Amino acid sequence: MIKPFDELLSQAEELEVIFELAGDATEEERESLSGDAETQLVSIEALLSELEMKSLLGGELDKCNAYLSINAGAGGTEACDWAAMLLRMYQRYAETNGFEFSIMDMHDGEEAGIKNVTAQITGPYAFGMLKSERGVHRLVRISPFDSSSRRHTSFTAVDIIAEVDEDIEIIIEDKDIRVDTFRATGAGGQHVNTTDSAIRITHDPTGIVVQCQAERSQHNNRARAMLMLKAKIYEYELDKQRKDQEKFYGDKGAIAWGSQIRSYVMQPYTLVKDLRTQAEVGNTNGVLDGNIDPFITAFLKKSALKKS
């Protein structure tokens, strides 16, 4: 953590030298130095922003990779389409921030979109950056599936869990799990309708079910599914300890009205508002294109204030 501060100090000293040189420079030289100073300031601001963000990511699991799950809720075809829109949003976010995004399991909607999807997001601080997304997301728009062009409200649940570090001991006994194999049928299965390579693991004591059909090999799918099961069991135990699992999905636990953490409005105006932090962005399309940083930053800052 010392290295970034050393870099910041070095850049600040370089900027000071530029200002000193400008004092004795000709007008033409000052113009050149002005450009150098502006470039240096932009670099310093970016470094400060990075340091601020890292200072907010001090949780035990923040550095870990993440598993993302999206499940369509109330709204039928609308909700399935909304789930697909959110999947694209997180894919674009991952791409912009240098994270690797791989779909492990996905089921298409009957008419459009997706019913549910599970993906792995790999990269430093993936979980810390995305933990703010856990909860119900609400969309308001004029439906492209409604011939009368009426406004519809759709709900989709997003879950984010950390890929558990190897040092954290989670004991999963063979007698507690059921392993089923099946033929990969949806997007994400690379060996579709050829062999029973897809894996479903059910953990009987908790009722947790995980699936993976991303790999051609049944062995590889099982290994990835077991890693995800370990992560889900760890998160399940943490939620039991905190005794407030309901806070992520509202008191009733429903993926519906009244339990959302964020609203995305496309008609009659455009606005995305996080109901926990009150952070707002007027460019809904920009947010859906992956620009969710304002909401992540606001959530992390509010969480840090609660701890202080």
C-alpha atoms as a PDB file:
ATOM      1  CA  MET A   1       0.000   0.000   0.000  1.00  0.00           C
ATOM      2  CA  ILE A   2       3.066   2.261   0.413  1.00  0.00           C
ATOM      3  CA  LYS A   3       3.967   2.162  -3.290  1.00  0.00           C
ATOM      4  CA  PRO A   4       0.918   4.163  -4.505  1.00  0.00           C
ATOM      5  CA  PHE A   5       1.669   6.902  -1.954  1.00  0.00           C
ATOM      6  CA  ASP A   6       5.285   7.043  -3.113  1.00  0.00           C
ATOM      7  CA  GLU A   7       4.056   7.366  -6.691  1.00  0.00           C
ATOM      8  CA  LEU A   8       1.663  10.154  -5.671  1.00  0.00           C
ATOM      9  CA  LEU A   9       4.453  12.003  -3.856  1.00  0.00           C
ATOM     10  CA  SER A  10       6.748  11.633  -6.863  1.00  0.00           C
ATOM     11  CA  GLN A  11       4.135  13.032  -9.237  1.00  0.00           C
ATOM     12  CA  ALA A  12       3.392  15.943  -6.891  1.00  0.00           C
ATOM     13  CA  GLU A  13       7.106  16.789  -6.794  1.00  0.00           C
ATOM     14  CA  GLU A  14       7.266  16.709 -10.591  1.00  0.00           C
ATOM     15  CA  LEU A  15       4.332  19.111 -10.736  1.00  0.00           C
ATOM     16  CA  GLU A  16       6.113  21.428  -8.310  1.00  0.00           C
ATOM     17  CA  VAL A  17       9.183  21.424 -10.563  1.00  0.00           C
ATOM     18  CA  ILE A  18       6.992  22.338 -13.552  1.00  0.00           C
ATOM     19  CA  PHE A  19       5.612  25.359 -11.674  1.00  0.00           C
ATOM     20  CA  GLU A  20       9.111  26.445 -10.660  1.00  0.00           C
ATOM     21  CA  LEU A  21      10.317  26.234 -14.269  1.00  0.00           C
ATOM     22  CA  ALA A  22       7.309  28.246 -15.426  1.00  0.00           C
ATOM     23  CA  GLY A  23       8.373  31.156 -13.218  1.00  0.00           C
ATOM     24  CA  ASP A  24      11.511  31.837 -15.300  1.00  0.00           C
ATOM     25  CA  ALA A  25      10.209  30.607 -18.664  1.00  0.00           C
ATOM     26  CA  THR A  26       9.357  32.532 -21.811  1.00  0.00           C
ATOM     27  CA  GLU A  27       5.741  32.811 -22.913  1.00  0.00           C
ATOM     28  CA  GLU A  28       6.233  30.015 -25.467  1.00  0.00           C
ATOM     29  CA  GLU A  29       7.845  27.784 -22.871  1.00  0.00           C
ATOM     30  CA  ARG A  30       5.032  28.506 -20.415  1.00  0.00           C
ATOM     31  CA  GLU A  31       2.461  27.266 -22.921  1.00  0.00           C
ATOM     32  CA  SER A  32       4.350  23.989 -23.217  1.00  0.00           C
ATOM     33  CA  LEU A  33       4.763  23.718 -19.450  1.00  0.00           C
ATOM     34  CA  SER A  34       1.067  24.471 -18.998  1.00  0.00           C
ATOM     35  CA  GLY A  35       0.242  21.395 -21.068  1.00  0.00           C
ATOM     36  CA  ASP A  36       2.680  19.313 -19.009  1.00  0.00           C
ATOM     37  CA  ALA A  37       1.116  20.578 -15.784  1.00  0.00           C
ATOM     38  CA  GLU A  38      -2.394  19.723 -17.001  1.00  0.00           C
ATOM     39  CA  THR A  39      -1.309  16.188 -17.929  1.00  0.00           C
ATOM     40  CA  GLN A  40       0.346  15.780 -14.545  1.00  0.00           C
ATOM     41  CA  LEU A  41      -2.774  16.985 -12.712  1.00  0.00           C
ATOM     42  CA  VAL A  42      -4.967  14.502 -14.568  1.00  0.00           C
ATOM     43  CA  SER A  43      -2.554  11.712 -13.592  1.00  0.00           C
ATOM     44  CA  ILE A  44      -2.550  12.816  -9.943  1.00  0.00           C
ATOM     45  CA  GLU A  45      -6.349  12.995  -9.833  1.00  0.00           C
ATOM     46  CA  ALA A  46      -6.629   9.477 -11.280  1.00  0.00           C
ATOM     47  CA  LEU A  47      -4.156   8.151  -8.718  1.00  0.00           C
ATOM     48  CA  LEU A  48      -5.997   9.881  -5.868  1.00  0.00           C
ATOM     49  CA  SER A  49      -9.287   8.395  -7.072  1.00  0.00           C
ATOM     50  CA  GLU A  50      -7.720   4.933  -7.181  1.00  0.00           C
ATOM     51  CA  LEU A  51      -6.290   5.341  -3.680  1.00  0.00           C
ATOM     52  CA  GLU A  52      -9.643   6.531  -2.329  1.00  0.00           C
ATOM     53  CA  MET A  53     -11.392   3.514  -3.824  1.00  0.00           C
ATOM     54  CA  LYS A  54      -8.833   1.085  -2.383  1.00  0.00           C
ATOM     55  CA  SER A  55      -9.203   2.710   1.029  1.00  0.00           C
ATOM     56  CA  LEU A  56     -12.904   1.792   0.875  1.00  0.00           C
ATOM     57  CA  LEU A  57     -12.180  -1.845  -0.010  1.00  0.00           C
ATOM     58  CA  GLY A  58     -10.876  -3.173   3.270  1.00  0.00           C
ATOM     59  CA  GLY A  59     -13.305  -6.041   3.772  1.00  0.00           C
ATOM     60  CA  GLU A  60     -12.031  -9.558   4.395  1.00  0.00           C
ATOM     61  CA  LEU A  61     -13.271 -10.799   1.006  1.00  0.00           C
ATOM     62  CA  ASP A  62     -13.104  -7.592  -1.043  1.00  0.00           C
ATOM     63  CA  LYS A  63     -10.006  -8.703  -2.971  1.00  0.00           C
ATOM     64  CA  CYS A  64     -11.685 -11.930  -4.108  1.00  0.00           C
ATOM     65  CA  ASN A  65     -13.199 -12.905  -7.423  1.00  0.00           C
ATOM     66  CA  ALA A  66     -16.999 -12.877  -7.504  1.00  0.00           C
ATOM     67  CA  TYR A  67     -19.941 -14.999  -8.569  1.00  0.00           C
ATOM     68  CA  LEU A  68     -22.842 -13.079 -10.088  1.00  0.00           C
ATOM     69  CA  SER A  69     -26.371 -14.516 -10.205  1.00  0.00           C
ATOM     70  CA  ILE A  70     -29.290 -12.816 -11.957  1.00  0.00           C
ATOM     71  CA  ASN A  71     -32.856 -14.129 -11.566  1.00  0.00           C
ATOM     72  CA  ALA A  72     -35.892 -12.696 -13.352  1.00  0.00           C
ATOM     73  CA  GLY A  73     -38.747 -11.909 -10.979  1.00  0.00           C
ATOM     74  CA  ALA A  74     -42.224 -10.410 -11.287  1.00  0.00           C
ATOM     75  CA  GLY A  75     -43.038  -9.322 -14.827  1.00  0.00           C
ATOM     76  CA  GLY A  76     -42.913 -12.432 -17.035  1.00  0.00           C
ATOM     77  CA  THR A  77     -41.288 -11.821 -20.421  1.00  0.00           C
ATOM     78  CA  GLU A  78     -40.561  -8.234 -19.370  1.00  0.00           C
ATOM     79  CA  ALA A  79     -38.585  -9.449 -16.357  1.00  0.00           C
ATOM     80  CA  CYS A  80     -36.648 -11.972 -18.477  1.00  0.00           C
ATOM     81  CA  ASP A  81     -35.716  -9.210 -20.914  1.00  0.00           C
ATOM     82  CA  TRP A  82     -34.724  -7.009 -17.970  1.00  0.00           C
ATOM     83  CA  ALA A  83     -32.499  -9.801 -16.643  1.00  0.00           C
ATOM     84  CA  ALA A  84     -30.755  -9.948 -20.035  1.00  0.00           C
ATOM     85  CA  MET A  85     -30.251  -6.163 -19.957  1.00  0.00           C
ATOM     86  CA  LEU A  86     -28.633  -6.409 -16.521  1.00  0.00           C
ATOM     87  CA  LEU A  87     -26.397  -9.246 -17.706  1.00  0.00           C
ATOM     88  CA  ARG A  88     -25.154  -7.022 -20.529  1.00  0.00           C
ATOM     89  CA  MET A  89     -24.652  -4.135 -18.073  1.00  0.00           C
ATOM     90  CA  TYR A  90     -22.390  -6.229 -15.845  1.00  0.00           C
ATOM     91  CA  GLN A  91     -20.543  -7.676 -18.825  1.00  0.00           C
ATOM     92  CA  ARG A  92     -19.796  -4.163 -20.069  1.00  0.00           C
ATOM     93  CA  TYR A  93     -18.735  -3.074 -16.571  1.00  0.00           C
ATOM     94  CA  ALA A  94     -16.375  -6.052 -16.305  1.00  0.00           C
ATOM     95  CA  GLU A  95     -14.936  -5.359 -19.755  1.00  0.00           C
ATOM     96  CA  THR A  96     -14.320  -1.683 -18.951  1.00  0.00           C
ATOM     97  CA  ASN A  97     -12.591  -2.499 -15.669  1.00  0.00           C
ATOM     98  CA  GLY A  98     -10.400  -5.315 -16.923  1.00  0.00           C
ATOM     99  CA  PHE A  99     -12.282  -8.171 -15.254  1.00  0.00           C
ATOM    100  CA  GLU A 100     -12.741 -11.546 -16.919  1.00  0.00           C
ATOM    101  CA  PHE A 101     -16.426 -12.447 -17.280  1.00  0.00           C
ATOM    102  CA  SER A 102     -17.420 -16.075 -17.903  1.00  0.00           C
ATOM    103  CA  ILE A 103     -20.944 -17.507 -17.904  1.00  0.00           C
ATOM    104  CA  MET A 104     -21.230 -20.738 -15.925  1.00  0.00           C
ATOM    105  CA  ASP A 105     -24.918 -21.499 -16.382  1.00  0.00           C
ATOM    106  CA  MET A 106     -27.809 -19.759 -18.156  1.00  0.00           C
ATOM    107  CA  HIS A 107     -31.461 -20.480 -18.921  1.00  0.00           C
ATOM    108  CA  ASP A 108     -33.305 -18.544 -21.603  1.00  0.00           C
ATOM    109  CA  GLY A 109     -36.750 -17.023 -21.144  1.00  0.00           C
ATOM    110  CA  GLU A 110     -39.684 -18.592 -22.975  1.00  0.00           C
ATOM    111  CA  GLU A 111     -40.165 -15.667 -25.347  1.00  0.00           C
ATOM    112  CA  ALA A 112     -37.194 -13.372 -24.787  1.00  0.00           C
ATOM    113  CA  GLY A 113     -34.326 -12.636 -22.405  1.00  0.00           C
ATOM    114  CA  ILE A 114     -33.158 -15.009 -19.687  1.00  0.00           C
ATOM    115  CA  LYS A 115     -34.788 -16.606 -16.659  1.00  0.00           C
ATOM    116  CA  ASN A 116     -31.528 -16.836 -14.731  1.00  0.00           C
ATOM    117  CA  VAL A 117     -27.788 -16.808 -15.218  1.00  0.00           C
ATOM    118  CA  THR A 118     -24.703 -17.426 -13.111  1.00  0.00           C
ATOM    119  CA  ALA A 119     -21.337 -15.950 -14.079  1.00  0.00           C
ATOM    120  CA  GLN A 120     -17.862 -15.766 -12.615  1.00  0.00           C
ATOM    121  CA  ILE A 121     -16.119 -12.391 -12.535  1.00  0.00           C
ATOM    122  CA  THR A 122     -12.373 -12.706 -12.130  1.00  0.00           C
ATOM    123  CA  GLY A 123      -9.946  -9.952 -11.174  1.00  0.00           C
ATOM    124  CA  PRO A 124      -8.537  -8.035  -8.181  1.00  0.00           C
ATOM    125  CA  TYR A 125     -11.306  -6.587  -5.972  1.00  0.00           C
ATOM    126  CA  ALA A 126     -14.101  -7.968  -8.186  1.00  0.00           C
ATOM    127  CA  PHE A 127     -16.246  -8.799  -5.152  1.00  0.00           C
ATOM    128  CA  GLY A 128     -15.455  -5.575  -3.321  1.00  0.00           C
ATOM    129  CA  MET A 129     -16.446  -3.494  -6.337  1.00  0.00           C
ATOM    130  CA  LEU A 130     -19.643  -5.396  -7.072  1.00  0.00           C
ATOM    131  CA  LYS A 131     -21.011  -6.270  -3.631  1.00  0.00           C
ATOM    132  CA  SER A 132     -23.153  -3.126  -3.837  1.00  0.00           C
ATOM    133  CA  GLU A 133     -25.246  -4.785  -6.564  1.00  0.00           C
ATOM    134  CA  ARG A 134     -26.833  -7.407  -4.328  1.00  0.00           C
ATOM    135  CA  GLY A 135     -30.589  -6.919  -4.232  1.00  0.00           C
ATOM    136  CA  VAL A 136     -33.651  -6.324  -6.400  1.00  0.00           C
ATOM    137  CA  HIS A 137     -33.376  -4.022  -9.426  1.00  0.00           C
ATOM    138  CA  ARG A 138     -36.525  -2.349 -10.820  1.00  0.00           C
ATOM    139  CA  LEU A 139     -37.060  -1.196 -14.410  1.00  0.00           C
ATOM    140  CA  VAL A 140     -39.789   1.185 -15.638  1.00  0.00           C
ATOM    141  CA  ARG A 141     -40.206   1.562 -19.401  1.00  0.00           C
ATOM    142  CA  ILE A 142     -42.621   1.369 -22.316  1.00  0.00           C
ATOM    143  CA  SER A 143     -42.690  -2.316 -23.137  1.00  0.00           C
ATOM    144  CA  PRO A 144     -41.348  -3.416 -26.529  1.00  0.00           C
ATOM    145  CA  PHE A 145     -43.531  -6.527 -26.095  1.00  0.00           C
ATOM    146  CA  ASP A 146     -46.789  -4.598 -25.599  1.00  0.00           C
ATOM    147  CA  SER A 147     -48.632  -3.732 -28.810  1.00  0.00           C
ATOM    148  CA  SER A 148     -50.427  -0.935 -26.931  1.00  0.00           C
ATOM    149  CA  SER A 149     -47.094   0.637 -25.908  1.00  0.00           C
ATOM    150  CA  ARG A 150     -48.003   0.749 -22.251  1.00  0.00           C
ATOM    151  CA  ARG A 151     -45.563   1.401 -19.461  1.00  0.00           C
ATOM    152  CA  HIS A 152     -44.421  -1.705 -17.557  1.00  0.00           C
ATOM    153  CA  THR A 153     -42.500  -2.277 -14.338  1.00  0.00           C
ATOM    154  CA  SER A 154     -40.173  -5.274 -14.106  1.00  0.00           C
ATOM    155  CA  PHE A 155     -38.081  -6.748 -11.304  1.00  0.00           C
ATOM    156  CA  THR A 156     -34.920  -8.820 -11.307  1.00  0.00           C
ATOM    157  CA  ALA A 157     -32.810 -10.055  -8.380  1.00  0.00           C
ATOM    158  CA  VAL A 158     -29.035  -9.819  -8.431  1.00  0.00           C
ATOM    159  CA  ASP A 159     -26.810 -11.751  -6.061  1.00  0.00           C
ATOM    160  CA  ILE A 160     -23.060 -11.319  -5.627  1.00  0.00           C
ATOM    161  CA  ILE A 161     -20.929 -13.654  -3.540  1.00  0.00           C
ATOM    162  CA  ALA A 162     -17.167 -13.851  -3.114  1.00  0.00           C
ATOM    163  CA  GLU A 163     -15.115 -16.748  -4.395  1.00  0.00           C
ATOM    164  CA  VAL A 164     -13.803 -18.088  -1.120  1.00  0.00           C
ATOM    165  CA  ASP A 165     -10.061 -18.039  -0.533  1.00  0.00           C
ATOM    166  CA  GLU A 166      -8.341 -21.421  -0.282  1.00  0.00           C
ATOM    167  CA  ASP A 167      -7.312 -20.568   3.294  1.00  0.00           C
ATOM    168  CA  ILE A 168     -10.945 -20.426   4.465  1.00  0.00           C
ATOM    169  CA  GLU A 169     -12.011 -23.889   5.549  1.00  0.00           C
ATOM    170  CA  ILE A 170     -15.453 -24.983   4.404  1.00  0.00           C
ATOM    171  CA  ILE A 171     -16.169 -28.654   5.024  1.00  0.00           C
ATOM    172  CA  ILE A 172     -18.517 -30.257   2.506  1.00  0.00           C
ATOM    173  CA  GLU A 173     -19.123 -33.925   3.168  1.00  0.00           C
ATOM    174  CA  ASP A 174     -20.000 -36.317   0.349  1.00  0.00           C
ATOM    175  CA  LYS A 175     -23.077 -37.558   2.215  1.00  0.00           C
ATOM    176  CA  ASP A 176     -24.483 -33.998   2.234  1.00  0.00           C
ATOM    177  CA  ILE A 177     -24.454 -33.441  -1.522  1.00  0.00           C
ATOM    178  CA  ARG A 178     -26.298 -34.853  -4.530  1.00  0.00           C
ATOM    179  CA  VAL A 179     -24.585 -34.614  -7.908  1.00  0.00           C
ATOM    180  CA  ASP A 180     -26.646 -34.787 -11.104  1.00  0.00           C
ATOM    181  CA  THR A 181     -25.308 -34.730 -14.644  1.00  0.00           C
ATOM    182  CA  PHE A 182     -27.312 -33.522 -17.611  1.00  0.00           C
ATOM    183  CA  ARG A 183     -26.902 -32.388 -21.155  1.00  0.00           C
ATOM    184  CA  ALA A 184     -26.001 -28.731 -21.609  1.00  0.00           C
ATOM    185  CA  THR A 185     -28.882 -26.993 -23.349  1.00  0.00           C
ATOM    186  CA  GLY A 186     -28.460 -23.245 -23.007  1.00  0.00           C
ATOM    187  CA  ALA A 187     -25.973 -20.578 -23.946  1.00  0.00           C
ATOM    188  CA  GLY A 188     -22.873 -21.174 -21.891  1.00  0.00           C
ATOM    189  CA  GLY A 189     -22.786 -24.895 -22.673  1.00  0.00           C
ATOM    190  CA  GLN A 190     -20.031 -25.338 -25.231  1.00  0.00           C
ATOM    191  CA  HIS A 191     -20.731 -29.033 -25.740  1.00  0.00           C
ATOM    192  CA  VAL A 192     -24.470 -28.683 -26.225  1.00  0.00           C
ATOM    193  CA  ASN A 193     -26.572 -31.853 -26.796  1.00  0.00           C
ATOM    194  CA  THR A 194     -23.510 -34.094 -27.196  1.00  0.00           C
ATOM    195  CA  THR A 195     -22.571 -35.462 -23.769  1.00  0.00           C
ATOM    196  CA  ASP A 196     -23.899 -35.202 -20.223  1.00  0.00           C
ATOM    197  CA  SER A 197     -21.177 -32.740 -19.256  1.00  0.00           C
ATOM    198  CA  ALA A 198     -23.284 -30.259 -17.263  1.00  0.00           C
ATOM    199  CA  ILE A 199     -23.278 -30.612 -13.471  1.00  0.00           C
ATOM    200  CA  ARG A 200     -25.864 -29.795 -10.817  1.00  0.00           C
ATOM    201  CA  ILE A 201     -24.890 -30.092  -7.133  1.00  0.00           C
ATOM    202  CA  THR A 202     -27.457 -29.914  -4.337  1.00  0.00           C
ATOM    203  CA  HIS A 203     -26.313 -29.349  -0.755  1.00  0.00           C
ATOM    204  CA  ASP A 204     -29.021 -31.012   1.322  1.00  0.00           C
ATOM    205  CA  PRO A 205     -28.396 -29.335   4.724  1.00  0.00           C
ATOM    206  CA  THR A 206     -28.811 -25.819   3.294  1.00  0.00           C
ATOM    207  CA  GLY A 207     -30.867 -26.500   0.158  1.00  0.00           C
ATOM    208  CA  ILE A 208     -28.286 -24.606  -1.927  1.00  0.00           C
ATOM    209  CA  VAL A 209     -28.149 -25.681  -5.570  1.00  0.00           C
ATOM    210  CA  VAL A 210     -25.370 -24.786  -8.018  1.00  0.00           C
ATOM    211  CA  GLN A 211     -24.965 -25.615 -11.694  1.00  0.00           C
ATOM    212  CA  CYS A 212     -22.176 -25.342 -14.221  1.00  0.00           C
ATOM    213  CA  GLN A 213     -22.171 -26.130 -17.936  1.00  0.00           C
ATOM    214  CA  ALA A 214     -19.456 -23.754 -19.085  1.00  0.00           C
ATOM    215  CA  GLU A 215     -16.791 -26.392 -19.748  1.00  0.00           C
ATOM    216  CA  ARG A 216     -16.653 -29.314 -22.185  1.00  0.00           C
ATOM    217  CA  SER A 217     -15.360 -31.580 -19.434  1.00  0.00           C
ATOM    218  CA  GLN A 218     -17.714 -32.947 -16.774  1.00  0.00           C
ATOM    219  CA  HIS A 219     -14.754 -33.030 -14.387  1.00  0.00           C
ATOM    220  CA  ASN A 220     -14.016 -29.325 -14.932  1.00  0.00           C
ATOM    221  CA  ASN A 221     -17.672 -28.393 -14.543  1.00  0.00           C
ATOM    222  CA  ARG A 222     -17.824 -30.302 -11.259  1.00  0.00           C
ATOM    223  CA  ALA A 223     -14.680 -28.570  -9.966  1.00  0.00           C
ATOM    224  CA  ARG A 224     -16.088 -25.112 -10.812  1.00  0.00           C
ATOM    225  CA  ALA A 225     -19.479 -25.997  -9.316  1.00  0.00           C
ATOM    226  CA  MET A 226     -17.824 -27.151  -6.073  1.00  0.00           C
ATOM    227  CA  LEU A 227     -15.935 -23.854  -5.799  1.00  0.00           C
ATOM    228  CA  MET A 228     -19.187 -21.952  -6.229  1.00  0.00           C
ATOM    229  CA  LEU A 229     -20.955 -24.197  -3.695  1.00  0.00           C
ATOM    230  CA  LYS A 230     -18.187 -23.519  -1.183  1.00  0.00           C
ATOM    231  CA  ALA A 231     -18.621 -19.775  -1.717  1.00  0.00           C
ATOM    232  CA  LYS A 232     -22.408 -19.959  -1.362  1.00  0.00           C
ATOM    233  CA  ILE A 233     -22.211 -22.002   1.846  1.00  0.00           C
ATOM    234  CA  TYR A 234     -19.736 -19.504   3.308  1.00  0.00           C
ATOM    235  CA  GLU A 235     -22.049 -16.602   2.447  1.00  0.00           C
ATOM    236  CA  TYR A 236     -25.018 -18.547   3.845  1.00  0.00           C
ATOM    237  CA  GLU A 237     -23.231 -18.974   7.176  1.00  0.00           C
ATOM    238  CA  LEU A 238     -22.307 -15.280   7.265  1.00  0.00           C
ATOM    239  CA  ASP A 239     -25.932 -14.339   6.632  1.00  0.00           C
ATOM    240  CA  LYS A 240     -27.064 -16.629   9.441  1.00  0.00           C
ATOM    241  CA  GLN A 241     -24.607 -14.976  11.803  1.00  0.00           C
ATOM    242  CA  ARG A 242     -25.763 -11.487  10.819  1.00  0.00           C
ATOM    243  CA  LYS A 243     -29.419 -12.529  11.097  1.00  0.00           C
ATOM    244  CA  ASP A 244     -30.408  -9.958   8.499  1.00  0.00           C
ATOM    245  CA  GLN A 245     -30.468 -11.851   5.208  1.00  0.00           C
ATOM    246  CA  GLU A 246     -33.836 -10.203   4.495  1.00  0.00           C
ATOM    247  CA  LYS A 247     -32.221  -6.787   4.086  1.00  0.00           C
ATOM    248  CA  PHE A 248     -31.114  -7.707   0.580  1.00  0.00           C
ATOM    249  CA  TYR A 249     -34.562  -8.667  -0.676  1.00  0.00           C
ATOM    250  CA  GLY A 250     -36.999  -6.762   1.531  1.00  0.00           C
ATOM    251  CA  ASP A 251     -38.963  -8.109   4.486  1.00  0.00           C
ATOM    252  CA  LYS A 252     -40.981 -10.541   2.375  1.00  0.00           C
ATOM    253  CA  GLY A 253     -38.016 -11.723   0.339  1.00  0.00           C
ATOM    254  CA  ALA A 254     -39.975 -11.219  -2.886  1.00  0.00           C
ATOM    255  CA  ILE A 255     -38.470 -10.100  -6.166  1.00  0.00           C
ATOM    256  CA  ALA A 256     -41.178  -7.484  -6.560  1.00  0.00           C
ATOM    257  CA  TRP A 257     -42.439  -4.027  -5.632  1.00  0.00           C
ATOM    258  CA  GLY A 258     -41.199  -2.603  -2.359  1.00  0.00           C
ATOM    259  CA  SER A 259     -38.027  -4.678  -2.128  1.00  0.00           C
ATOM    260  CA  GLN A 260     -35.866  -2.950  -4.746  1.00  0.00           C
ATOM    261  CA  ILE A 261     -32.489  -1.378  -4.020  1.00  0.00           C
ATOM    262  CA  ARG A 262     -32.309   0.579  -7.271  1.00  0.00           C
ATOM    263  CA  SER A 263     -34.791   1.902  -9.844  1.00  0.00           C
ATOM    264  CA  TYR A 264     -34.037   2.412 -13.540  1.00  0.00           C
ATOM    265  CA  VAL A 265     -36.609   4.665 -15.221  1.00  0.00           C
ATOM    266  CA  MET A 266     -36.671   5.011 -19.018  1.00  0.00           C
ATOM    267  CA  GLN A 267     -40.135   6.599 -19.439  1.00  0.00           C
ATOM    268  CA  PRO A 268     -41.604   9.196 -18.974  1.00  0.00           C
ATOM    269  CA  TYR A 269     -38.143  10.516 -17.958  1.00  0.00           C
ATOM    270  CA  THR A 270     -34.703   8.953 -17.599  1.00  0.00           C
ATOM    271  CA  LEU A 271     -33.227   8.428 -14.143  1.00  0.00           C
ATOM    272  CA  VAL A 272     -31.417   5.710 -12.225  1.00  0.00           C
ATOM    273  CA  LYS A 273     -31.676   6.079  -8.444  1.00  0.00           C
ATOM    274  CA  ASP A 274     -30.201   3.942  -5.694  1.00  0.00           C
ATOM    275  CA  LEU A 275     -32.679   3.853  -2.825  1.00  0.00           C
ATOM    276  CA  ARG A 276     -30.029   3.040  -0.200  1.00  0.00           C
ATOM    277  CA  THR A 277     -27.625   5.904  -0.908  1.00  0.00           C
ATOM    278  CA  GLN A 278     -29.906   8.273  -2.865  1.00  0.00           C
ATOM    279  CA  ALA A 279     -27.246   8.411  -5.605  1.00  0.00           C
ATOM    280  CA  GLU A 280     -28.789   9.424  -8.946  1.00  0.00           C
ATOM    281  CA  VAL A 281     -27.703   9.386 -12.593  1.00  0.00           C
ATOM    282  CA  GLY A 282     -29.863  10.928 -15.324  1.00  0.00           C
ATOM    283  CA  ASN A 283     -28.293   8.973 -18.200  1.00  0.00           C
ATOM    284  CA  THR A 284     -30.101   5.644 -17.906  1.00  0.00           C
ATOM    285  CA  ASN A 285     -28.629   4.303 -21.151  1.00  0.00           C
ATOM    286  CA  GLY A 286     -25.127   5.122 -19.920  1.00  0.00           C
ATOM    287  CA  VAL A 287     -25.726   3.154 -16.725  1.00  0.00           C
ATOM    288  CA  LEU A 288     -27.116   0.202 -18.688  1.00  0.00           C
ATOM    289  CA  ASP A 289     -23.971   0.381 -20.814  1.00  0.00           C
ATOM    290  CA  GLY A 290     -21.913  -0.436 -17.718  1.00  0.00           C
ATOM    291  CA  ASN A 291     -21.309   2.936 -16.028  1.00  0.00           C
ATOM    292  CA  ILE A 292     -22.323   1.906 -12.508  1.00  0.00           C
ATOM    293  CA  ASP A 293     -19.302   3.468 -10.778  1.00  0.00           C
ATOM    294  CA  PRO A 294     -21.286   6.329  -9.143  1.00  0.00           C
ATOM    295  CA  PHE A 295     -23.508   3.787  -7.353  1.00  0.00           C
ATOM    296  CA  ILE A 296     -20.593   1.581  -6.324  1.00  0.00           C
ATOM    297  CA  THR A 297     -18.662   4.561  -4.907  1.00  0.00           C
ATOM    298  CA  ALA A 298     -21.699   5.920  -3.041  1.00  0.00           C
ATOM    299  CA  PHE A 299     -22.406   2.507  -1.518  1.00  0.00           C
ATOM    300  CA  LEU A 300     -18.800   1.985  -0.406  1.00  0.00           C
ATOM    301  CA  LYS A 301     -18.612   5.476   1.138  1.00  0.00           C
ATOM    302  CA  LYS A 302     -21.864   4.972   3.037  1.00  0.00           C
ATOM    303  CA  SER A 303     -20.707   1.544   4.263  1.00  0.00           C
ATOM    304  CA  ALA A 304     -17.427   3.075   5.442  1.00  0.00           C
ATOM    305  CA  LEU A 305     -19.298   5.782   7.388  1.00  0.00           C
ATOM    306  CA  LYS A 306     -21.423   3.135   9.125  1.00  0.00           C
ATOM    307  CA  LYS A 307     -18.283   1.343  10.298  1.00  0.00           C
ATOM    308  CA  SER A 308     -16.569   4.501  11.570  1.00  0.00           C
END
